[in-house]
Protein backbone atom coordinates (compact mmCIF):
# COMPACT_ATOMS: atom_id res chain seq x y z
CA ASN A 1 0.05 0.09 -0.02
CA VAL A 2 1.03 3.48 -0.67
CA LYS A 3 1.82 5.22 2.73
CA ILE A 4 1.59 9.10 3.50
CA HIS A 5 2.33 10.60 6.98
CA LEU A 6 1.51 14.27 7.44
CA SER A 7 1.71 16.93 9.63
CA VAL A 8 -0.96 19.96 9.63
CA ILE A 9 -0.63 23.05 11.67
CA LYS A 10 -2.37 26.40 11.26
CA THR A 11 -0.37 29.46 11.26
CA GLU A 12 -1.14 32.83 13.05
CA GLU A 13 -3.00 34.12 9.63
CA ASN A 14 -5.10 30.55 9.96
CA LEU A 15 -3.27 28.92 6.88
CA PRO A 16 -2.86 25.51 6.68
CA ASN A 17 1.19 24.44 6.68
CA ILE A 18 1.23 20.73 5.39
CA GLU A 19 4.49 18.92 6.41
CA VAL A 20 4.92 15.42 4.21
CA LYS A 21 6.84 13.51 6.74
CA GLN A 22 6.78 10.35 4.69
CA LEU A 23 5.46 9.49 1.21
CA ILE A 24 6.06 5.80 0.41
CA VAL A 25 5.08 4.14 -2.82
CA PRO A 26 6.17 0.37 -2.52
CA GLU A 27 9.01 -0.43 -5.06
CA GLU A 28 6.40 -3.20 -7.23
CA LYS A 29 3.85 -0.03 -7.22
CA ARG A 30 5.97 2.67 -8.70
CA ASN A 31 5.68 4.30 -12.35
CA LYS A 32 1.98 3.66 -12.20
CA GLY A 33 0.97 7.14 -11.30
CA LEU A 34 -0.09 6.55 -7.54
CA GLY A 35 2.54 8.68 -6.17
CA THR A 36 1.26 11.38 -8.70
CA LYS A 37 -2.60 11.02 -7.87
CA LEU A 38 -1.83 11.52 -4.35
CA LEU A 39 0.37 14.78 -4.59
CA VAL A 40 -2.21 16.08 -6.90
CA HIS A 41 -4.80 15.55 -4.36
CA LEU A 42 -2.87 17.00 -1.61
CA THR A 43 -1.55 20.05 -3.57
CA LYS A 44 -5.28 20.78 -4.84
CA LEU A 45 -6.39 20.29 -1.44
CA ALA A 46 -3.49 22.88 -0.19
CA ASP A 47 -4.46 25.40 -2.81
CA LYS A 48 -7.93 25.48 -2.07
CA TYR A 49 -7.04 26.53 1.61
CA ASN A 50 -4.28 28.57 0.57
CA GLY A 51 -1.83 26.41 2.30
CA ILE A 52 1.78 25.61 1.96
CA VAL A 53 3.38 22.36 1.83
CA THR A 54 6.95 21.04 2.40
CA LEU A 55 8.73 18.03 2.61
CA SER A 56 12.40 16.99 2.70
CA PRO A 57 12.97 14.10 -0.30
CA SER A 58 14.64 10.93 0.85
CA THR A 59 16.12 7.70 -0.61
CA GLU A 60 15.46 5.69 2.77
CA PHE A 61 12.92 3.70 0.99
CA GLY A 62 14.89 3.05 -2.21
CA ALA A 63 13.78 5.91 -4.59
CA ASN A 64 16.15 7.72 -7.05
CA HIS A 65 17.08 10.93 -5.56
CA LYS A 66 17.63 13.03 -8.90
CA ARG A 67 14.41 11.56 -10.01
CA LEU A 68 12.65 12.15 -6.82
CA ILE A 69 13.75 15.69 -6.94
CA ASN A 70 12.47 15.99 -10.57
CA PHE A 71 8.99 14.80 -9.31
CA TYR A 72 8.53 17.17 -6.57
CA LYS A 73 9.60 20.05 -8.95
CA ARG A 74 7.33 18.63 -11.51
CA HIS A 75 4.42 19.52 -8.55
CA GLY A 76 5.40 23.04 -8.16
CA PHE A 77 8.26 22.35 -5.11
CA LEU A 78 11.08 24.48 -4.82
CA TRP A 79 14.32 24.32 -2.91
CA ASN A 80 13.74 25.92 0.61
CA SER A 81 16.48 28.41 0.11
CA GLY A 82 18.06 31.30 -1.47
CA PRO A 83 14.92 33.64 -2.50
CA ASN A 84 12.34 31.11 -1.66
CA GLU A 85 13.84 30.23 1.96
CA ASP A 86 11.07 30.59 4.50
CA LEU A 87 12.06 29.55 8.01
CA TYR A 88 8.56 30.57 9.53
CA TYR A 89 6.48 28.14 7.15
CA GLY A 90 8.99 25.80 5.85
CA PHE A 91 10.15 23.01 7.88
CA GLY A 92 11.31 20.85 4.84
CA ASP A 93 14.10 20.87 2.37
CA MET A 94 11.48 21.79 -0.28
CA ILE A 95 8.64 23.90 -0.54
CA ARG A 96 5.47 24.43 -2.22
CA TYR A 97 3.58 27.70 -2.10
CA PRO A 98 0.04 27.81 -3.11
CA HIS A 99 -1.06 27.85 -6.68
CA GLY A 100 2.74 26.87 -7.66
CA LYS A 101 3.75 30.74 -6.59
CA THR A 102 7.13 31.56 -5.67
CA ARG A 103 7.71 32.89 -2.21
CA THR A 104 7.63 36.35 -3.12
CA GLU A 105 4.47 35.98 -5.52
CA TRP A 106 2.80 34.30 -2.64
CA PHE A 107 3.78 36.72 0.02
CA LYS A 108 2.62 39.65 -2.16
CA SER A 109 -0.68 38.15 -2.55
CA GLN A 110 -0.98 37.67 1.09
CA HIS A 111 -0.20 41.12 2.14
CA LYS A 112 -1.77 42.93 -0.54
CA ILE A 113 1.55 44.35 -2.15
CA SER A 114 1.86 45.08 -5.83
């Protein structure tokens, strides 16, 4: 079975922050779209509530690191560093702002800055 372990907290602004602690697709079930379906559903839900999703890719369960990074990038995740670094909301190595925005775009939309 596919396994996902999440932690959801509400920020001071009452926005959900979702930390994906584990997303495990057994090796024999990989490349069948299960991880994609799960991540699409999770990111749509996060977008609906203007939530941020964070995670730290791990090869602990046999995934190829480069392939895993590309998988998350295709779903709008960015490295939680440099201009996208967010130590307030971002608990993981990668972060996804609502609707695939960058940190700057998201911050401006939250604070009505042009």
